[in-house]
Amino acid sequence: MTPGREIEADKLNCIPVSMQCKGELAQIFRFYRQLQDMDRMVRIEKVMLTNDSSYNGRASMTTEVVVYYRTKVEQG
């Protein structure tokens, strides 16, 4: 995982993140399901799946996502 530069806005900030991993396709799908179940909103920008050259059931995954979160609300 490689986080990008944080983008700040008035009430909603975001951080672009690049991710890479290898595994079985079922493991990669579980990873995306976990992203979906996060407490924060995650927008998937780009997905690239590449089959292993030996065709052993493993794949390489490269993904670019943006993670959104709210800025702290001041109490007053």
PDB file of N, CA and C in Angstrom:
ATOM      1  N   MET A   1       0.845  -1.174   0.000  1.00  0.00           N
ATOM      2  CA  MET A   1       0.000   0.000   0.000  1.00  0.00           C
ATOM      3  C   MET A   1       0.884   1.229   0.000  1.00  0.00           C
ATOM      4  N   THR A   2       0.507   2.166  -0.859  1.00  0.00           N
ATOM      5  CA  THR A   2       1.228   3.424  -0.935  1.00  0.00           C
ATOM      6  C   THR A   2       0.212   4.568  -0.930  1.00  0.00           C
ATOM      7  N   PRO A   3       0.145   5.305   0.189  1.00  0.00           N
ATOM      8  CA  PRO A   3      -0.793   6.429   0.212  1.00  0.00           C
ATOM      9  C   PRO A   3      -0.253   7.596  -0.601  1.00  0.00           C
ATOM     10  N   GLY A   4      -1.182   8.317  -1.226  1.00  0.00           N
ATOM     11  CA  GLY A   4      -0.824   9.521  -1.970  1.00  0.00           C
ATOM     12  C   GLY A   4      -0.970  10.740  -1.078  1.00  0.00           C
ATOM     13  N   ARG A   5      -0.925  11.896  -1.695  1.00  0.00           N
ATOM     14  CA  ARG A   5      -1.055  13.140  -0.948  1.00  0.00           C
ATOM     15  C   ARG A   5      -2.505  13.374  -0.560  1.00  0.00           C
ATOM     16  N   GLU A   6      -2.720  13.672   0.707  1.00  0.00           N
ATOM     17  CA  GLU A   6      -4.065  13.921   1.236  1.00  0.00           C
ATOM     18  C   GLU A   6      -4.659  15.167   0.589  1.00  0.00           C
ATOM     19  N   ILE A   7      -5.932  15.072   0.238  1.00  0.00           N
ATOM     20  CA  ILE A   7      -6.650  16.198  -0.348  1.00  0.00           C
ATOM     21  C   ILE A   7      -7.652  16.682   0.686  1.00  0.00           C
ATOM     22  N   GLU A   8      -7.505  17.936   1.104  1.00  0.00           N
ATOM     23  CA  GLU A   8      -8.368  18.481   2.148  1.00  0.00           C
ATOM     24  C   GLU A   8      -9.458  19.352   1.545  1.00  0.00           C
ATOM     25  N   ALA A   9     -10.653  19.189   2.072  1.00  0.00           N
ATOM     26  CA  ALA A   9     -11.792  20.009   1.676  1.00  0.00           C
ATOM     27  C   ALA A   9     -12.456  20.532   2.943  1.00  0.00           C
ATOM     28  N   ASP A  10     -13.556  21.234   2.796  1.00  0.00           N
ATOM     29  CA  ASP A  10     -14.213  21.852   3.941  1.00  0.00           C
ATOM     30  C   ASP A  10     -14.682  20.827   4.967  1.00  0.00           C
ATOM     31  N   LYS A  11     -15.439  19.822   4.541  1.00  0.00           N
ATOM     32  CA  LYS A  11     -15.983  18.841   5.485  1.00  0.00           C
ATOM     33  C   LYS A  11     -15.611  17.412   5.148  1.00  0.00           C
ATOM     34  N   LEU A  12     -14.985  17.202   3.996  1.00  0.00           N
ATOM     35  CA  LEU A  12     -14.684  15.850   3.550  1.00  0.00           C
ATOM     36  C   LEU A  12     -13.284  15.830   2.955  1.00  0.00           C
ATOM     37  N   ASN A  13     -12.420  14.999   3.516  1.00  0.00           N
ATOM     38  CA  ASN A  13     -11.061  14.847   3.022  1.00  0.00           C
ATOM     39  C   ASN A  13     -10.925  13.495   2.352  1.00  0.00           C
ATOM     40  N   CYS A  14      -9.881  13.338   1.546  1.00  0.00           N
ATOM     41  CA  CYS A  14      -9.657  12.039   0.928  1.00  0.00           C
ATOM     42  C   CYS A  14      -8.165  11.787   0.758  1.00  0.00           C
ATOM     43  N   ILE A  15      -7.841  10.513   0.675  1.00  0.00           N
ATOM     44  CA  ILE A  15      -6.467  10.082   0.472  1.00  0.00           C
ATOM     45  C   ILE A  15      -6.462   9.048  -0.645  1.00  0.00           C
ATOM     46  N   PRO A  16      -5.744   9.309  -1.741  1.00  0.00           N
ATOM     47  CA  PRO A  16      -5.599   8.284  -2.770  1.00  0.00           C
ATOM     48  C   PRO A  16      -4.594   7.234  -2.297  1.00  0.00           C
ATOM     49  N   VAL A  17      -4.870   5.972  -2.583  1.00  0.00           N
ATOM     50  CA  VAL A  17      -4.010   4.878  -2.142  1.00  0.00           C
ATOM     51  C   VAL A  17      -3.821   3.910  -3.309  1.00  0.00           C
ATOM     52  N   SER A  18      -2.580   3.530  -3.562  1.00  0.00           N
ATOM     53  CA  SER A  18      -2.264   2.501  -4.552  1.00  0.00           C
ATOM     54  C   SER A  18      -1.940   1.222  -3.800  1.00  0.00           C
ATOM     55  N   MET A  19      -2.499   0.098  -4.270  1.00  0.00           N
ATOM     56  CA  MET A  19      -2.296  -1.184  -3.600  1.00  0.00           C
ATOM     57  C   MET A  19      -1.895  -2.244  -4.615  1.00  0.00           C
ATOM     58  N   GLN A  20      -1.027  -3.161  -4.176  1.00  0.00           N
ATOM     59  CA  GLN A  20      -0.636  -4.296  -4.996  1.00  0.00           C
ATOM     60  C   GLN A  20      -0.569  -5.532  -4.122  1.00  0.00           C
ATOM     61  N   CYS A  21      -1.003  -6.663  -4.670  1.00  0.00           N
ATOM     62  CA  CYS A  21      -0.878  -7.924  -3.942  1.00  0.00           C
ATOM     63  C   CYS A  21      -0.978  -9.084  -4.926  1.00  0.00           C
ATOM     64  N   LYS A  22      -0.649 -10.268  -4.448  1.00  0.00           N
ATOM     65  CA  LYS A  22      -0.769 -11.495  -5.227  1.00  0.00           C
ATOM     66  C   LYS A  22      -1.526 -12.505  -4.399  1.00  0.00           C
ATOM     67  N   GLY A  23      -2.291 -13.355  -5.048  1.00  0.00           N
ATOM     68  CA  GLY A  23      -3.017 -14.388  -4.330  1.00  0.00           C
ATOM     69  C   GLY A  23      -4.000 -15.077  -5.248  1.00  0.00           C
ATOM     70  N   GLU A  24      -4.753 -15.974  -4.656  1.00  0.00           N
ATOM     71  CA  GLU A  24      -5.799 -16.649  -5.411  1.00  0.00           C
ATOM     72  C   GLU A  24      -6.940 -15.664  -5.641  1.00  0.00           C
ATOM     73  N   LEU A  25      -7.684 -15.869  -6.705  1.00  0.00           N
ATOM     74  CA  LEU A  25      -8.764 -14.952  -7.055  1.00  0.00           C
ATOM     75  C   LEU A  25      -9.777 -14.821  -5.920  1.00  0.00           C
ATOM     76  N   ALA A  26     -10.079 -15.914  -5.239  1.00  0.00           N
ATOM     77  CA  ALA A  26     -11.023 -15.865  -4.109  1.00  0.00           C
ATOM     78  C   ALA A  26     -10.493 -14.960  -2.995  1.00  0.00           C
ATOM     79  N   GLN A  27      -9.184 -14.980  -2.749  1.00  0.00           N
ATOM     80  CA  GLN A  27      -8.594 -14.113  -1.727  1.00  0.00           C
ATOM     81  C   GLN A  27      -8.701 -12.645  -2.138  1.00  0.00           C
ATOM     82  N   ILE A  28      -8.483 -12.374  -3.410  1.00  0.00           N
ATOM     83  CA  ILE A  28      -8.570 -10.998  -3.901  1.00  0.00           C
ATOM     84  C   ILE A  28     -10.001 -10.491  -3.790  1.00  0.00           C
ATOM     85  N   PHE A  29     -10.981 -11.328  -4.122  1.00  0.00           N
ATOM     86  CA  PHE A  29     -12.382 -10.915  -3.978  1.00  0.00           C
ATOM     87  C   PHE A  29     -12.738 -10.669  -2.512  1.00  0.00           C
ATOM     88  N   ARG A  30     -12.199 -11.475  -1.593  1.00  0.00           N
ATOM     89  CA  ARG A  30     -12.430 -11.228  -0.156  1.00  0.00           C
ATOM     90  C   ARG A  30     -11.857  -9.873   0.247  1.00  0.00           C
ATOM     91  N   PHE A  31     -10.706  -9.535  -0.295  1.00  0.00           N
ATOM     92  CA  PHE A  31     -10.095  -8.239  -0.010  1.00  0.00           C
ATOM     93  C   PHE A  31     -11.023  -7.100  -0.435  1.00  0.00           C
ATOM     94  N   TYR A  32     -11.599  -7.192  -1.644  1.00  0.00           N
ATOM     95  CA  TYR A  32     -12.521  -6.151  -2.107  1.00  0.00           C
ATOM     96  C   TYR A  32     -13.785  -6.106  -1.249  1.00  0.00           C
ATOM     97  N   ARG A  33     -14.243  -7.236  -0.787  1.00  0.00           N
ATOM     98  CA  ARG A  33     -15.414  -7.250   0.106  1.00  0.00           C
ATOM     99  C   ARG A  33     -15.083  -6.538   1.413  1.00  0.00           C
ATOM    100  N   GLN A  34     -13.862  -6.724   1.925  1.00  0.00           N
ATOM    101  CA  GLN A  34     -13.451  -6.028   3.142  1.00  0.00           C
ATOM    102  C   GLN A  34     -13.385  -4.520   2.914  1.00  0.00           C
ATOM    103  N   LEU A  35     -12.928  -4.104   1.730  1.00  0.00           N
ATOM    104  CA  LEU A  35     -12.944  -2.675   1.416  1.00  0.00           C
ATOM    105  C   LEU A  35     -14.368  -2.132   1.453  1.00  0.00           C
ATOM    106  N   GLN A  36     -15.298  -2.917   0.918  1.00  0.00           N
ATOM    107  CA  GLN A  36     -16.700  -2.518   0.871  1.00  0.00           C
ATOM    108  C   GLN A  36     -17.291  -2.398   2.270  1.00  0.00           C
ATOM    109  N   ASP A  37     -16.821  -3.209   3.207  1.00  0.00           N
ATOM    110  CA  ASP A  37     -17.364  -3.231   4.561  1.00  0.00           C
ATOM    111  C   ASP A  37     -16.703  -2.220   5.500  1.00  0.00           C
ATOM    112  N   MET A  38     -15.757  -1.438   5.002  1.00  0.00           N
ATOM    113  CA  MET A  38     -15.070  -0.460   5.852  1.00  0.00           C
ATOM    114  C   MET A  38     -16.039   0.609   6.337  1.00  0.00           C
ATOM    115  N   ASP A  39     -15.702   1.238   7.452  1.00  0.00           N
ATOM    116  CA  ASP A  39     -16.507   2.325   8.005  1.00  0.00           C
ATOM    117  C   ASP A  39     -16.402   3.592   7.170  1.00  0.00           C
ATOM    118  N   ARG A  40     -15.411   3.668   6.322  1.00  0.00           N
ATOM    119  CA  ARG A  40     -15.217   4.843   5.485  1.00  0.00           C
ATOM    120  C   ARG A  40     -15.616   4.533   4.059  1.00  0.00           C
ATOM    121  N   MET A  41     -15.977   5.588   3.323  1.00  0.00           N
ATOM    122  CA  MET A  41     -16.330   5.399   1.917  1.00  0.00           C
ATOM    123  C   MET A  41     -15.045   5.227   1.112  1.00  0.00           C
ATOM    124  N   VAL A  42     -15.021   4.197   0.273  1.00  0.00           N
ATOM    125  CA  VAL A  42     -13.871   3.910  -0.572  1.00  0.00           C
ATOM    126  C   VAL A  42     -14.351   3.866  -2.018  1.00  0.00           C
ATOM    127  N   ARG A  43     -13.741   4.672  -2.856  1.00  0.00           N
ATOM    128  CA  ARG A  43     -14.071   4.660  -4.281  1.00  0.00           C
ATOM    129  C   ARG A  43     -12.931   3.970  -5.023  1.00  0.00           C
ATOM    130  N   ILE A  44     -13.253   2.929  -5.754  1.00  0.00           N
ATOM    131  CA  ILE A  44     -12.250   2.206  -6.531  1.00  0.00           C
ATOM    132  C   ILE A  44     -12.098   2.906  -7.866  1.00  0.00           C
ATOM    133  N   GLU A  45     -10.903   3.389  -8.136  1.00  0.00           N
ATOM    134  CA  GLU A  45     -10.617   4.135  -9.356  1.00  0.00           C
ATOM    135  C   GLU A  45     -10.166   3.218 -10.490  1.00  0.00           C
ATOM    136  N   LYS A  46      -9.321   2.253 -10.165  1.00  0.00           N
ATOM    137  CA  LYS A  46      -8.699   1.432 -11.198  1.00  0.00           C
ATOM    138  C   LYS A  46      -8.370   0.057 -10.629  1.00  0.00           C
ATOM    139  N   VAL A  47      -8.635  -0.986 -11.411  1.00  0.00           N
ATOM    140  CA  VAL A  47      -8.313  -2.360 -11.020  1.00  0.00           C
ATOM    141  C   VAL A  47      -7.618  -3.043 -12.189  1.00  0.00           C
ATOM    142  N   MET A  48      -6.528  -3.719 -11.906  1.00  0.00           N
ATOM    143  CA  MET A  48      -5.867  -4.518 -12.929  1.00  0.00           C
ATOM    144  C   MET A  48      -5.541  -5.881 -12.329  1.00  0.00           C
ATOM    145  N   LEU A  49      -6.083  -6.927 -12.922  1.00  0.00           N
ATOM    146  CA  LEU A  49      -5.803  -8.298 -12.510  1.00  0.00           C
ATOM    147  C   LEU A  49      -4.991  -8.959 -13.611  1.00  0.00           C
ATOM    148  N   THR A  50      -3.892  -9.583 -13.220  1.00  0.00           N
ATOM    149  CA  THR A  50      -3.022 -10.251 -14.178  1.00  0.00           C
ATOM    150  C   THR A  50      -2.825 -11.695 -13.747  1.00  0.00           C
ATOM    151  N   ASN A  51      -3.137 -12.620 -14.647  1.00  0.00           N
ATOM    152  CA  ASN A  51      -2.977 -14.043 -14.371  1.00  0.00           C
ATOM    153  C   ASN A  51      -1.485 -14.371 -14.239  1.00  0.00           C
ATOM    154  N   ASP A  52      -1.152 -15.271 -13.328  1.00  0.00           N
ATOM    155  CA  ASP A  52       0.221 -15.735 -13.172  1.00  0.00           C
ATOM    156  C   ASP A  52       0.652 -16.448 -14.456  1.00  0.00           C
ATOM    157  N   SER A  53       1.874 -16.245 -14.878  1.00  0.00           N
ATOM    158  CA  SER A  53       2.336 -16.827 -16.145  1.00  0.00           C
ATOM    159  C   SER A  53       2.370 -18.351 -16.126  1.00  0.00           C
ATOM    160  N   SER A  54       2.404 -18.946 -14.926  1.00  0.00           N
ATOM    161  CA  SER A  54       2.403 -20.405 -14.839  1.00  0.00           C
ATOM    162  C   SER A  54       0.993 -20.982 -14.766  1.00  0.00           C
ATOM    163  N   TYR A  55      -0.027 -20.116 -14.772  1.00  0.00           N
ATOM    164  CA  TYR A  55      -1.438 -20.528 -14.729  1.00  0.00           C
ATOM    165  C   TYR A  55      -1.717 -21.481 -13.561  1.00  0.00           C
ATOM    166  N   ASN A  56      -1.208 -21.093 -12.384  1.00  0.00           N
ATOM    167  CA  ASN A  56      -1.374 -21.926 -11.194  1.00  0.00           C
ATOM    168  C   ASN A  56      -2.536 -21.478 -10.308  1.00  0.00           C
ATOM    169  N   GLY A  57      -3.412 -20.641 -10.829  1.00  0.00           N
ATOM    170  CA  GLY A  57      -4.569 -20.193 -10.052  1.00  0.00           C
ATOM    171  C   GLY A  57      -4.316 -18.943  -9.232  1.00  0.00           C
ATOM    172  N   ARG A  58      -3.152 -18.357  -9.372  1.00  0.00           N
ATOM    173  CA  ARG A  58      -2.831 -17.127  -8.650  1.00  0.00           C
ATOM    174  C   ARG A  58      -2.865 -15.946  -9.617  1.00  0.00           C
ATOM    175  N   ALA A  59      -3.108 -14.770  -9.072  1.00  0.00           N
ATOM    176  CA  ALA A  59      -3.180 -13.554  -9.881  1.00  0.00           C
ATOM    177  C   ALA A  59      -2.488 -12.420  -9.134  1.00  0.00           C
ATOM    178  N   SER A  60      -2.054 -11.435  -9.889  1.00  0.00           N
ATOM    179  CA  SER A  60      -1.515 -10.206  -9.320  1.00  0.00           C
ATOM    180  C   SER A  60      -2.593  -9.140  -9.462  1.00  0.00           C
ATOM    181  N   MET A  61      -2.736  -8.320  -8.430  1.00  0.00           N
ATOM    182  CA  MET A  61      -3.765  -7.291  -8.421  1.00  0.00           C
ATOM    183  C   MET A  61      -3.099  -5.942  -8.160  1.00  0.00           C
ATOM    184  N   THR A  62      -3.455  -4.972  -8.971  1.00  0.00           N
ATOM    185  CA  THR A  62      -3.055  -3.583  -8.751  1.00  0.00           C
ATOM    186  C   THR A  62      -4.332  -2.756  -8.723  1.00  0.00           C
ATOM    187  N   THR A  63      -4.479  -1.951  -7.681  1.00  0.00           N
ATOM    188  CA  THR A  63      -5.701  -1.164  -7.504  1.00  0.00           C
ATOM    189  C   THR A  63      -5.351   0.243  -7.050  1.00  0.00           C
ATOM    190  N   GLU A  64      -6.089   1.200  -7.565  1.00  0.00           N
ATOM    191  CA  GLU A  64      -6.005   2.571  -7.077  1.00  0.00           C
ATOM    192  C   GLU A  64      -7.363   2.931  -6.500  1.00  0.00           C
ATOM    193  N   VAL A  65      -7.373   3.350  -5.236  1.00  0.00           N
ATOM    194  CA  VAL A  65      -8.613   3.714  -4.562  1.00  0.00           C
ATOM    195  C   VAL A  65      -8.464   5.111  -3.964  1.00  0.00           C
ATOM    196  N   VAL A  66      -9.602   5.675  -3.599  1.00  0.00           N
ATOM    197  CA  VAL A  66      -9.630   6.929  -2.851  1.00  0.00           C
ATOM    198  C   VAL A  66     -10.454   6.672  -1.597  1.00  0.00           C
ATOM    199  N   VAL A  67      -9.865   6.952  -0.436  1.00  0.00           N
ATOM    200  CA  VAL A  67     -10.539   6.768   0.848  1.00  0.00           C
ATOM    201  C   VAL A  67     -10.995   8.135   1.341  1.00  0.00           C
ATOM    202  N   TYR A  68     -12.284   8.255   1.626  1.00  0.00           N
ATOM    203  CA  TYR A  68     -12.877   9.521   2.077  1.00  0.00           C
ATOM    204  C   TYR A  68     -13.131   9.467   3.575  1.00  0.00           C
ATOM    205  N   TYR A  69     -12.978  10.619   4.226  1.00  0.00           N
ATOM    206  CA  TYR A  69     -13.314  10.715   5.640  1.00  0.00           C
ATOM    207  C   TYR A  69     -13.709  12.146   5.968  1.00  0.00           C
ATOM    208  N   ARG A  70     -14.494  12.289   7.008  1.00  0.00           N
ATOM    209  CA  ARG A  70     -14.965  13.623   7.425  1.00  0.00           C
ATOM    210  C   ARG A  70     -13.908  14.281   8.287  1.00  0.00           C
ATOM    211  N   THR A  71     -13.846  15.595   8.176  1.00  0.00           N
ATOM    212  CA  THR A  71     -12.971  16.346   9.070  1.00  0.00           C
ATOM    213  C   THR A  71     -13.631  16.385  10.441  1.00  0.00           C
ATOM    214  N   LYS A  72     -12.840  16.612  11.454  1.00  0.00           N
ATOM    215  CA  LYS A  72     -13.401  16.692  12.804  1.00  0.00           C
ATOM    216  C   LYS A  72     -14.318  17.893  12.916  1.00  0.00           C
ATOM    217  N   VAL A  73     -15.472  17.679  13.506  1.00  0.00           N
ATOM    218  CA  VAL A  73     -16.430  18.751  13.714  1.00  0.00           C
ATOM    219  C   VAL A  73     -16.137  19.371  15.080  1.00  0.00           C
ATOM    220  N   GLU A  74     -15.917  20.678  15.092  1.00  0.00           N
ATOM    221  CA  GLU A  74     -15.645  21.356  16.356  1.00  0.00           C
ATOM    222  C   GLU A  74     -16.928  21.503  17.145  1.00  0.00           C
ATOM    223  N   GLN A  75     -16.838  21.203  18.448  1.00  0.00           N
ATOM    224  CA  GLN A  75     -17.996  21.360  19.324  1.00  0.00           C
ATOM    225  C   GLN A  75     -18.013  22.789  19.845  1.00  0.00           C
ATOM    226  N   GLY A  76     -19.196  23.370  19.922  1.00  0.00           N
ATOM    227  CA  GLY A  76     -19.205  24.751  20.388  1.00  0.00           C
ATOM    228  C   GLY A  76     -20.461  25.175  20.967  1.00  0.00           C
TER     229      GLY A  76
END
